[in-house]
């Protein structure tokens, strides 16, 4: 079910991107596996450049993303592409990488087919504004919490304060070592 949903989603994007289908069509019959262990999605390419479901033990290309890299998805596809490990046919991998980096869903275009151009443009503009507002609000909340926990309610120590404490601890240790040495000398005398 996951594979069929992924293939359907990718093909929906490919339907509006003839350049991407043209880039993939020469690799008809080839297979690829996208893996974020333990999940693997096997796809093939048909003659028209669309993806098909494929189950193969030996894919032509394997693209594996470490599970620890998933939080980078917030930064977009480009942030994830740096962590993907690719193995297999270099030309096919290059074509897949190019298509996956450049393939974008045009929400405004899709919505305009249902509600018209003007309403779609306004709805997408409103959605972008809400997303930007949420992003900036989240950033300000994180900054305020960091300031609160380091200044108002010191649960987090500043780097400079930590270094000062480290220096003072080192000085105290050295002073104690010198005192201990003096006490031993006095005990030896007396």
N, C-alpha and C. Protein backbone atom coordinates (compact mmCIF):
# COMPACT_ATOMS: atom_id res chain seq x y z
N UNK A 1 0.83 -1.19 0.00
CA UNK A 1 0.00 0.00 0.00
C UNK A 1 0.88 1.26 0.00
N UNK A 2 1.96 1.24 0.77
CA UNK A 2 2.87 2.38 0.81
C UNK A 2 3.51 2.60 -0.56
N UNK A 3 3.91 1.51 -1.19
CA UNK A 3 4.55 1.61 -2.50
C UNK A 3 3.58 2.18 -3.52
N UNK A 4 2.35 1.66 -3.53
CA UNK A 4 1.38 2.15 -4.52
C UNK A 4 1.04 3.62 -4.28
N UNK A 5 0.98 4.04 -3.02
CA UNK A 5 0.72 5.46 -2.72
C UNK A 5 1.88 6.34 -3.18
N UNK A 6 3.11 5.88 -2.92
CA UNK A 6 4.29 6.65 -3.34
C UNK A 6 4.35 6.75 -4.86
N UNK A 7 4.10 5.64 -5.54
CA UNK A 7 4.14 5.64 -7.01
C UNK A 7 3.04 6.55 -7.56
N UNK A 8 1.84 6.48 -6.98
CA UNK A 8 0.75 7.33 -7.44
C UNK A 8 1.08 8.81 -7.24
N UNK A 9 1.66 9.15 -6.09
CA UNK A 9 2.05 10.54 -5.82
C UNK A 9 3.11 11.03 -6.79
N UNK A 10 4.13 10.22 -7.02
CA UNK A 10 5.19 10.60 -7.96
C UNK A 10 4.64 10.75 -9.37
N UNK A 11 3.78 9.82 -9.78
CA UNK A 11 3.21 9.89 -11.13
C UNK A 11 2.29 11.10 -11.29
N UNK A 12 1.61 11.51 -10.22
CA UNK A 12 0.79 12.72 -10.28
C UNK A 12 1.68 13.94 -10.57
N UNK A 13 2.84 13.98 -9.93
CA UNK A 13 3.78 15.07 -10.19
C UNK A 13 4.36 14.98 -11.60
N UNK A 14 4.66 13.75 -12.04
CA UNK A 14 5.23 13.56 -13.37
C UNK A 14 4.24 13.92 -14.48
N UNK A 15 2.94 13.81 -14.20
CA UNK A 15 1.93 14.10 -15.22
C UNK A 15 2.04 15.54 -15.71
N UNK A 16 2.44 16.46 -14.83
CA UNK A 16 2.58 17.87 -15.21
C UNK A 16 4.01 18.25 -15.56
N UNK A 17 4.91 17.28 -15.60
CA UNK A 17 6.33 17.57 -15.84
C UNK A 17 6.85 16.71 -16.99
N UNK A 18 6.58 17.15 -18.22
CA UNK A 18 7.02 16.37 -19.38
C UNK A 18 8.54 16.27 -19.44
N UNK A 19 9.25 17.31 -18.98
CA UNK A 19 10.71 17.28 -18.97
C UNK A 19 11.24 16.12 -18.13
N UNK A 20 10.54 15.84 -17.00
CA UNK A 20 10.98 14.75 -16.11
C UNK A 20 10.72 13.39 -16.75
N UNK A 21 9.55 13.25 -17.39
CA UNK A 21 9.24 11.98 -18.06
C UNK A 21 10.22 11.73 -19.19
N UNK A 22 10.59 12.80 -19.93
CA UNK A 22 11.57 12.65 -21.02
C UNK A 22 12.93 12.23 -20.47
N UNK A 23 13.27 12.73 -19.29
CA UNK A 23 14.56 12.38 -18.68
C UNK A 23 14.57 10.92 -18.21
N UNK A 24 13.41 10.40 -17.77
CA UNK A 24 13.33 9.03 -17.25
C UNK A 24 13.04 7.99 -18.33
N UNK A 25 12.37 8.37 -19.41
CA UNK A 25 11.96 7.40 -20.44
C UNK A 25 13.09 6.54 -20.99
N UNK A 26 14.30 7.05 -21.22
CA UNK A 26 15.37 6.19 -21.73
C UNK A 26 15.73 5.03 -20.79
N UNK A 27 15.27 5.10 -19.55
CA UNK A 27 15.60 4.06 -18.57
C UNK A 27 14.42 3.11 -18.36
N UNK A 28 13.54 3.01 -19.36
CA UNK A 28 12.39 2.12 -19.27
C UNK A 28 12.87 0.70 -18.98
N UNK A 29 12.18 0.04 -18.06
CA UNK A 29 12.54 -1.32 -17.69
C UNK A 29 13.53 -1.40 -16.54
N UNK A 30 14.14 -0.29 -16.19
CA UNK A 30 15.10 -0.29 -15.07
C UNK A 30 14.33 -0.17 -13.75
N UNK A 31 14.97 -0.61 -12.67
CA UNK A 31 14.34 -0.56 -11.36
C UNK A 31 15.24 0.18 -10.37
N UNK A 32 14.59 0.73 -9.36
CA UNK A 32 15.30 1.45 -8.30
C UNK A 32 14.63 1.15 -6.97
N UNK A 33 15.42 1.21 -5.92
CA UNK A 33 14.89 1.04 -4.57
C UNK A 33 15.24 2.28 -3.77
N UNK A 34 14.21 2.90 -3.18
CA UNK A 34 14.39 4.01 -2.26
C UNK A 34 14.23 3.42 -0.86
N UNK A 35 15.24 3.57 -0.02
CA UNK A 35 15.21 2.92 1.29
C UNK A 35 15.48 3.90 2.41
N UNK A 36 14.60 3.86 3.39
CA UNK A 36 14.83 4.47 4.69
C UNK A 36 14.54 3.32 5.64
N UNK A 37 15.60 2.58 5.98
CA UNK A 37 15.44 1.32 6.71
C UNK A 37 14.55 1.51 7.91
N UNK A 38 13.58 0.63 8.10
CA UNK A 38 13.34 -0.65 7.46
C UNK A 38 12.40 -0.59 6.26
N UNK A 39 12.02 0.62 5.83
CA UNK A 39 11.08 0.76 4.72
C UNK A 39 11.84 0.85 3.40
N UNK A 40 11.39 0.05 2.44
CA UNK A 40 11.97 0.10 1.09
C UNK A 40 10.84 0.24 0.08
N UNK A 41 11.03 1.13 -0.87
CA UNK A 41 10.04 1.33 -1.93
C UNK A 41 10.72 1.01 -3.25
N UNK A 42 10.23 -0.03 -3.91
CA UNK A 42 10.79 -0.43 -5.20
C UNK A 42 9.95 0.14 -6.33
N UNK A 43 10.61 0.79 -7.28
CA UNK A 43 9.92 1.36 -8.43
C UNK A 43 10.63 0.97 -9.71
N UNK A 44 9.87 0.97 -10.78
CA UNK A 44 10.42 0.78 -12.10
C UNK A 44 10.03 1.97 -12.96
N UNK A 45 10.57 2.04 -14.15
CA UNK A 45 10.24 3.12 -15.08
C UNK A 45 9.61 2.49 -16.31
N UNK A 46 8.46 3.03 -16.75
CA UNK A 46 7.83 2.49 -17.96
C UNK A 46 8.28 3.28 -19.19
N UNK A 47 7.78 2.90 -20.36
CA UNK A 47 8.21 3.51 -21.62
C UNK A 47 7.87 5.00 -21.73
N UNK A 48 6.85 5.45 -20.98
CA UNK A 48 6.44 6.85 -21.03
C UNK A 48 7.14 7.72 -19.99
N UNK A 49 8.01 7.11 -19.18
CA UNK A 49 8.73 7.87 -18.16
C UNK A 49 8.00 7.96 -16.83
N UNK A 50 6.94 7.18 -16.67
CA UNK A 50 6.22 7.13 -15.39
C UNK A 50 6.79 6.01 -14.54
N UNK A 51 6.58 6.12 -13.22
CA UNK A 51 7.03 5.07 -12.31
C UNK A 51 5.99 3.96 -12.23
N UNK A 52 6.46 2.75 -12.00
CA UNK A 52 5.60 1.59 -11.77
C UNK A 52 6.07 0.92 -10.49
N UNK A 53 5.19 0.13 -9.89
CA UNK A 53 5.61 -0.65 -8.72
C UNK A 53 6.53 -1.75 -9.19
N UNK A 54 7.59 -1.99 -8.45
CA UNK A 54 8.54 -3.04 -8.81
C UNK A 54 9.11 -3.67 -7.55
N UNK A 55 9.15 -4.99 -7.56
CA UNK A 55 9.78 -5.73 -6.48
C UNK A 55 10.93 -6.48 -7.11
N UNK A 56 12.13 -6.14 -6.70
CA UNK A 56 13.30 -6.78 -7.29
C UNK A 56 14.38 -6.97 -6.23
N UNK A 57 15.03 -8.10 -6.30
CA UNK A 57 16.13 -8.37 -5.36
C UNK A 57 17.39 -7.62 -5.78
N UNK A 58 17.53 -7.37 -7.07
CA UNK A 58 18.72 -6.70 -7.61
C UNK A 58 18.29 -5.45 -8.40
N UNK A 59 18.06 -4.32 -7.71
CA UNK A 59 17.68 -3.11 -8.44
C UNK A 59 18.87 -2.55 -9.21
N UNK A 60 18.57 -1.80 -10.26
CA UNK A 60 19.63 -1.14 -11.03
C UNK A 60 20.27 0.00 -10.23
N UNK A 61 19.46 0.63 -9.38
CA UNK A 61 19.94 1.72 -8.53
C UNK A 61 19.33 1.57 -7.15
N UNK A 62 20.13 1.86 -6.15
CA UNK A 62 19.65 1.86 -4.77
C UNK A 62 19.97 3.21 -4.16
N UNK A 63 18.95 3.86 -3.62
CA UNK A 63 19.12 5.15 -2.94
C UNK A 63 18.72 4.95 -1.49
N UNK A 64 19.68 5.08 -0.58
CA UNK A 64 19.40 4.83 0.83
C UNK A 64 19.64 6.09 1.65
N UNK A 65 18.64 6.44 2.44
CA UNK A 65 18.72 7.60 3.32
C UNK A 65 18.78 7.09 4.76
N UNK A 66 19.82 7.47 5.52
CA UNK A 66 19.88 7.05 6.92
C UNK A 66 18.69 7.63 7.70
N UNK A 67 18.15 6.83 8.59
CA UNK A 67 16.99 7.24 9.38
C UNK A 67 17.28 8.52 10.16
N UNK A 68 18.51 8.68 10.61
CA UNK A 68 18.88 9.87 11.38
C UNK A 68 18.80 11.16 10.55
N UNK A 69 18.76 11.03 9.23
CA UNK A 69 18.71 12.22 8.37
C UNK A 69 17.29 12.72 8.12
N UNK A 70 16.28 11.97 8.53
CA UNK A 70 14.90 12.37 8.26
C UNK A 70 14.53 13.76 8.78
N UNK A 71 15.02 14.19 9.94
CA UNK A 71 14.67 15.55 10.37
C UNK A 71 15.10 16.63 9.39
N UNK A 72 16.07 16.34 8.54
CA UNK A 72 16.51 17.33 7.55
C UNK A 72 15.45 17.57 6.48
N UNK A 73 14.42 16.73 6.44
CA UNK A 73 13.36 16.89 5.44
C UNK A 73 12.69 18.25 5.56
N UNK A 74 12.74 18.84 6.75
CA UNK A 74 12.17 20.17 6.94
C UNK A 74 12.85 21.17 6.03
N UNK A 75 14.14 20.96 5.77
CA UNK A 75 14.91 21.86 4.91
C UNK A 75 14.68 21.63 3.44
N UNK A 76 13.89 20.64 3.08
CA UNK A 76 13.59 20.37 1.68
C UNK A 76 14.42 19.23 1.11
N UNK A 77 14.16 18.93 -0.15
CA UNK A 77 14.80 17.81 -0.82
C UNK A 77 16.31 18.00 -0.91
N UNK A 78 16.75 19.22 -1.17
CA UNK A 78 18.20 19.46 -1.31
C UNK A 78 18.95 19.11 -0.03
N UNK A 79 18.35 19.38 1.12
CA UNK A 79 18.99 19.06 2.39
C UNK A 79 19.13 17.55 2.56
N UNK A 80 18.14 16.81 2.07
CA UNK A 80 18.18 15.35 2.17
C UNK A 80 19.15 14.73 1.17
N UNK A 81 19.24 15.31 -0.02
CA UNK A 81 20.05 14.72 -1.09
C UNK A 81 21.52 14.58 -0.68
N UNK A 82 21.99 15.44 0.19
CA UNK A 82 23.39 15.37 0.61
C UNK A 82 23.69 14.10 1.41
N UNK A 83 22.67 13.54 2.07
CA UNK A 83 22.88 12.35 2.91
C UNK A 83 22.53 11.03 2.24
N UNK A 84 21.97 11.09 1.04
CA UNK A 84 21.56 9.86 0.36
C UNK A 84 22.77 9.11 -0.16
N UNK A 85 22.81 7.80 0.14
CA UNK A 85 23.87 6.93 -0.39
C UNK A 85 23.33 6.26 -1.65
N UNK A 86 24.04 6.43 -2.75
CA UNK A 86 23.59 5.93 -4.04
C UNK A 86 24.53 4.83 -4.50
N UNK A 87 23.95 3.74 -4.99
CA UNK A 87 24.77 2.68 -5.59
C UNK A 87 24.04 2.14 -6.81
N UNK A 88 24.81 1.67 -7.77
CA UNK A 88 24.23 1.11 -8.98
C UNK A 88 24.60 1.90 -10.22
N UNK A 89 23.76 1.80 -11.25
CA UNK A 89 23.98 2.44 -12.54
C UNK A 89 24.07 3.96 -12.39
N UNK A 90 25.20 4.53 -12.76
CA UNK A 90 25.45 5.96 -12.55
C UNK A 90 24.52 6.85 -13.36
N UNK A 91 24.26 6.49 -14.63
CA UNK A 91 23.40 7.32 -15.47
C UNK A 91 21.96 7.34 -14.95
N UNK A 92 21.46 6.16 -14.58
CA UNK A 92 20.10 6.06 -14.06
C UNK A 92 20.01 6.80 -12.72
N UNK A 93 21.01 6.66 -11.87
CA UNK A 93 21.03 7.35 -10.58
C UNK A 93 21.05 8.86 -10.78
N UNK A 94 21.82 9.32 -11.76
CA UNK A 94 21.89 10.75 -12.05
C UNK A 94 20.53 11.28 -12.51
N UNK A 95 19.87 10.53 -13.39
CA UNK A 95 18.55 10.94 -13.87
C UNK A 95 17.53 10.98 -12.74
N UNK A 96 17.54 9.94 -11.89
CA UNK A 96 16.62 9.91 -10.75
C UNK A 96 16.89 11.08 -9.80
N UNK A 97 18.15 11.30 -9.49
CA UNK A 97 18.51 12.39 -8.59
C UNK A 97 18.08 13.74 -9.13
N UNK A 98 18.31 13.95 -10.42
CA UNK A 98 17.93 15.22 -11.05
C UNK A 98 16.43 15.42 -10.98
N UNK A 99 15.67 14.38 -11.35
CA UNK A 99 14.21 14.49 -11.36
C UNK A 99 13.69 14.72 -9.94
N UNK A 100 14.20 13.97 -8.97
CA UNK A 100 13.70 14.11 -7.61
C UNK A 100 14.05 15.47 -7.00
N UNK A 101 15.19 16.04 -7.37
CA UNK A 101 15.56 17.37 -6.87
C UNK A 101 14.70 18.46 -7.48
N UNK A 102 14.37 18.32 -8.76
CA UNK A 102 13.69 19.40 -9.48
C UNK A 102 12.17 19.27 -9.52
N UNK A 103 11.66 18.08 -9.26
CA UNK A 103 10.22 17.83 -9.35
C UNK A 103 9.50 18.55 -8.21
N UNK A 104 8.59 19.42 -8.54
CA UNK A 104 7.85 20.19 -7.54
C UNK A 104 6.36 20.13 -7.85
N UNK A 105 5.57 20.13 -6.77
CA UNK A 105 4.13 20.17 -6.92
C UNK A 105 3.71 21.63 -6.97
N UNK A 106 2.98 22.00 -8.00
CA UNK A 106 2.47 23.36 -8.13
C UNK A 106 1.05 23.37 -7.59
N UNK A 107 0.94 23.62 -6.30
CA UNK A 107 -0.36 23.61 -5.63
C UNK A 107 -1.32 24.64 -6.21
N UNK A 108 -0.78 25.79 -6.58
CA UNK A 108 -1.63 26.84 -7.14
C UNK A 108 -2.24 26.39 -8.46
N UNK A 109 -1.45 25.74 -9.30
CA UNK A 109 -1.96 25.25 -10.59
C UNK A 109 -3.03 24.18 -10.37
N UNK A 110 -2.78 23.25 -9.46
CA UNK A 110 -3.75 22.18 -9.19
C UNK A 110 -5.05 22.75 -8.62
N UNK A 111 -4.93 23.71 -7.72
CA UNK A 111 -6.11 24.32 -7.11
C UNK A 111 -6.89 25.17 -8.11
N UNK A 112 -6.17 25.81 -9.04
CA UNK A 112 -6.84 26.67 -10.02
C UNK A 112 -7.78 25.87 -10.93
N UNK A 113 -7.50 24.61 -11.12
CA UNK A 113 -8.39 23.77 -11.94
C UNK A 113 -9.74 23.56 -11.27
N UNK A 114 -9.76 23.71 -9.93
CA UNK A 114 -10.99 23.47 -9.18
C UNK A 114 -11.73 24.78 -8.89
N UNK A 115 -10.99 25.81 -8.44
CA UNK A 115 -11.65 27.04 -7.99
C UNK A 115 -11.38 28.25 -8.86
N UNK A 116 -10.52 28.12 -9.84
CA UNK A 116 -10.18 29.25 -10.70
C UNK A 116 -8.85 29.88 -10.31
N UNK A 117 -8.30 30.66 -11.23
CA UNK A 117 -6.95 31.21 -11.05
C UNK A 117 -6.86 32.21 -9.89
N UNK A 118 -7.80 33.15 -9.82
CA UNK A 118 -7.71 34.20 -8.81
C UNK A 118 -7.86 33.63 -7.40
N UNK A 119 -8.88 32.79 -7.21
CA UNK A 119 -9.10 32.19 -5.89
C UNK A 119 -7.91 31.31 -5.49
N UNK A 120 -7.38 30.57 -6.44
CA UNK A 120 -6.23 29.70 -6.15
C UNK A 120 -5.01 30.54 -5.76
N UNK A 121 -4.78 31.63 -6.48
CA UNK A 121 -3.63 32.49 -6.18
C UNK A 121 -3.76 33.07 -4.76
N UNK A 122 -4.96 33.52 -4.42
CA UNK A 122 -5.18 34.10 -3.09
C UNK A 122 -5.06 33.03 -2.00
N UNK A 123 -5.61 31.84 -2.24
CA UNK A 123 -5.54 30.77 -1.25
C UNK A 123 -4.10 30.34 -1.00
N UNK A 124 -3.32 30.20 -2.06
CA UNK A 124 -1.92 29.80 -1.91
C UNK A 124 -1.13 30.91 -1.22
N UNK A 125 -1.40 32.16 -1.56
CA UNK A 125 -0.74 33.27 -0.89
C UNK A 125 -1.04 33.28 0.60
N UNK A 126 -2.31 33.03 0.95
CA UNK A 126 -2.70 32.95 2.35
C UNK A 126 -1.98 31.79 3.05
N UNK A 127 -1.94 30.64 2.39
CA UNK A 127 -1.27 29.47 2.97
C UNK A 127 0.22 29.74 3.18
N UNK A 128 0.86 30.38 2.21
CA UNK A 128 2.29 30.72 2.37
C UNK A 128 2.49 31.67 3.55
N UNK A 129 1.59 32.64 3.66
CA UNK A 129 1.69 33.57 4.78
C UNK A 129 1.54 32.88 6.12
N UNK A 130 0.60 31.94 6.21
CA UNK A 130 0.40 31.19 7.45
C UNK A 130 1.64 30.35 7.77
N UNK A 131 2.18 29.68 6.76
CA UNK A 131 3.38 28.85 6.97
C UNK A 131 4.56 29.71 7.40
N UNK A 132 4.76 30.85 6.74
CA UNK A 132 5.85 31.75 7.13
C UNK A 132 5.66 32.28 8.55
N UNK A 133 4.42 32.61 8.90
CA UNK A 133 4.12 33.09 10.24
C UNK A 133 4.43 32.00 11.27
N UNK A 134 4.02 30.75 10.98
CA UNK A 134 4.29 29.66 11.91
C UNK A 134 5.79 29.43 12.06
N UNK A 135 6.51 29.49 10.96
CA UNK A 135 7.96 29.27 11.00
C UNK A 135 8.64 30.36 11.84
N UNK A 136 8.27 31.62 11.59
CA UNK A 136 8.90 32.71 12.35
C UNK A 136 8.48 32.67 13.82
N UNK A 137 7.24 32.29 14.09
CA UNK A 137 6.79 32.17 15.48
C UNK A 137 7.55 31.07 16.19
N UNK A 138 7.71 29.94 15.54
CA UNK A 138 8.46 28.83 16.15
C UNK A 138 9.90 29.25 16.42
N UNK A 139 10.51 29.98 15.50
CA UNK A 139 11.89 30.44 15.69
C UNK A 139 11.97 31.39 16.88
N UNK A 140 11.02 32.31 16.99
CA UNK A 140 11.02 33.25 18.12
C UNK A 140 10.80 32.53 19.45
N UNK A 141 9.91 31.52 19.45
CA UNK A 141 9.67 30.76 20.68
C UNK A 141 10.95 30.06 21.13
N UNK A 142 11.66 29.44 20.19
CA UNK A 142 12.92 28.76 20.52
C UNK A 142 13.93 29.76 21.06
N UNK A 143 14.06 30.92 20.41
CA UNK A 143 14.99 31.95 20.88
C UNK A 143 14.61 32.45 22.28
N UNK A 144 13.31 32.67 22.51
CA UNK A 144 12.86 33.14 23.82
C UNK A 144 13.10 32.09 24.91
N UNK A 145 12.85 30.83 24.60
CA UNK A 145 13.11 29.77 25.57
C UNK A 145 14.59 29.67 25.90
N UNK A 146 15.42 29.78 24.88
CA UNK A 146 16.87 29.73 25.11
C UNK A 146 17.30 30.87 26.01
N UNK A 147 16.77 32.06 25.76
CA UNK A 147 17.12 33.21 26.60
C UNK A 147 16.59 33.02 28.02
N UNK A 148 15.36 32.54 28.16
CA UNK A 148 14.76 32.33 29.48
C UNK A 148 15.58 31.34 30.29
N UNK A 149 15.94 30.21 29.67
CA UNK A 149 16.65 29.17 30.41
C UNK A 149 18.12 29.52 30.66
N UNK A 150 18.66 30.50 29.95
CA UNK A 150 20.05 30.88 30.21
C UNK A 150 20.15 32.16 31.04
N UNK A 151 19.14 33.02 31.00
CA UNK A 151 19.19 34.30 31.72
C UNK A 151 18.26 34.33 32.93
N UNK A 152 16.97 34.12 32.71
CA UNK A 152 15.96 34.28 33.75
C UNK A 152 15.96 33.12 34.75
N UNK A 153 15.93 31.93 34.24
CA UNK A 153 15.85 30.71 35.05
C UNK A 153 17.02 29.83 34.64
N UNK A 154 18.20 30.10 35.18
CA UNK A 154 19.41 29.46 34.66
C UNK A 154 19.42 27.93 34.77
N UNK A 155 18.82 27.29 33.79
CA UNK A 155 18.88 25.83 33.69
C UNK A 155 19.91 25.43 32.65
N UNK A 156 20.23 26.36 31.79
CA UNK A 156 21.22 26.14 30.75
C UNK A 156 22.35 27.13 31.00
N UNK A 157 23.56 26.65 30.99
CA UNK A 157 24.70 27.51 31.27
C UNK A 157 25.27 28.06 29.97
N UNK A 158 25.67 29.32 30.01
CA UNK A 158 26.29 29.93 28.83
C UNK A 158 27.71 29.39 28.67
N UNK A 159 28.20 29.42 27.46
CA UNK A 159 29.54 28.91 27.16
C UNK A 159 30.61 29.66 27.94
N UNK A 160 30.50 30.98 28.01
CA UNK A 160 31.50 31.79 28.73
C UNK A 160 31.50 31.44 30.22
N UNK A 161 30.31 31.24 30.80
CA UNK A 161 30.23 30.89 32.22
C UNK A 161 30.82 29.51 32.47
N UNK A 162 30.60 28.59 31.54
CA UNK A 162 31.17 27.25 31.66
C UNK A 162 32.69 27.29 31.60
N UNK A 163 33.24 28.10 30.71
CA UNK A 163 34.69 28.24 30.61
C UNK A 163 35.27 28.86 31.88
N UNK A 164 34.59 29.87 32.43
CA UNK A 164 35.05 30.50 33.67
C UNK A 164 35.04 29.49 34.82
N UNK A 165 33.98 28.70 34.91
CA UNK A 165 33.90 27.67 35.94
C UNK A 165 35.02 26.65 35.78
N UNK A 166 35.31 26.29 34.55
CA UNK A 166 36.39 25.34 34.28
C UNK A 166 37.74 25.90 34.72
N UNK A 167 37.99 27.18 34.41
CA UNK A 167 39.25 27.82 34.83
C UNK A 167 39.36 27.87 36.36
N UNK A 168 38.26 28.24 37.01
CA UNK A 168 38.27 28.33 38.47
C UNK A 168 38.48 26.95 39.10
N UNK A 169 37.88 25.93 38.53
CA UNK A 169 38.05 24.57 39.03
C UNK A 169 39.50 24.13 38.88
N UNK A 170 40.10 24.44 37.75
CA UNK A 170 41.51 24.09 37.52
C UNK A 170 42.41 24.82 38.51
N UNK A 171 42.16 26.11 38.73
CA UNK A 171 42.95 26.88 39.71
C UNK A 171 42.81 26.30 41.11
N UNK A 172 41.57 25.95 41.50
CA UNK A 172 41.33 25.37 42.82
C UNK A 172 42.06 24.04 42.97
N UNK A 173 42.02 23.21 41.95
CA UNK A 173 42.72 21.93 41.98
C UNK A 173 44.23 22.15 42.17
N UNK A 174 44.78 23.09 41.42
CA UNK A 174 46.21 23.39 41.53
C UNK A 174 46.56 23.93 42.92
N UNK A 175 45.71 24.81 43.45
CA UNK A 175 45.93 25.35 44.80
C UNK A 175 45.89 24.24 45.84
N UNK A 176 44.93 23.33 45.70
CA UNK A 176 44.83 22.21 46.64
C UNK A 176 46.05 21.30 46.55
N UNK A 177 46.56 21.10 45.35
CA UNK A 177 47.75 20.27 45.18
C UNK A 177 48.96 20.92 45.86
N UNK A 178 49.09 22.24 45.70
CA UNK A 178 50.20 22.95 46.37
C UNK A 178 50.05 22.90 47.89
N UNK A 179 48.82 23.08 48.38
CA UNK A 179 48.58 23.02 49.82
C UNK A 179 48.90 21.63 50.37
N UNK A 180 48.48 20.61 49.64
CA UNK A 180 48.77 19.24 50.06
C UNK A 180 50.28 19.00 50.12
N UNK A 181 51.00 19.51 49.16
CA UNK A 181 52.47 19.36 49.12
C UNK A 181 53.11 20.06 50.32
N UNK A 182 52.64 21.25 50.66
CA UNK A 182 53.17 21.99 51.81
C UNK A 182 52.90 21.25 53.12
N UNK A 183 51.65 20.71 53.22
CA UNK A 183 51.31 19.97 54.44
C UNK A 183 52.20 18.74 54.61
N UNK A 184 52.50 18.06 53.53
CA UNK A 184 53.39 16.88 53.60
C UNK A 184 54.79 17.29 54.05
N UNK A 185 55.27 18.42 53.54
CA UNK A 185 56.61 18.91 53.95
C UNK A 185 56.62 19.24 55.44
N UNK A 186 55.54 19.90 55.91
CA UNK A 186 55.46 20.24 57.33
C UNK A 186 55.39 18.99 58.20
N UNK A 187 54.63 18.00 57.77
CA UNK A 187 54.53 16.75 58.52
C UNK A 187 55.88 16.03 58.55
N UNK A 188 56.62 16.09 57.46
CA UNK A 188 57.93 15.44 57.39
C UNK A 188 58.92 16.11 58.34
N UNK A 189 58.83 17.39 58.54
CA UNK A 189 59.72 18.12 59.44
C UNK A 189 59.40 17.82 60.90
N UNK A 190 58.13 17.75 61.14
CA UNK A 190 57.80 17.79 62.49
C UNK A 190 57.30 16.70 63.24
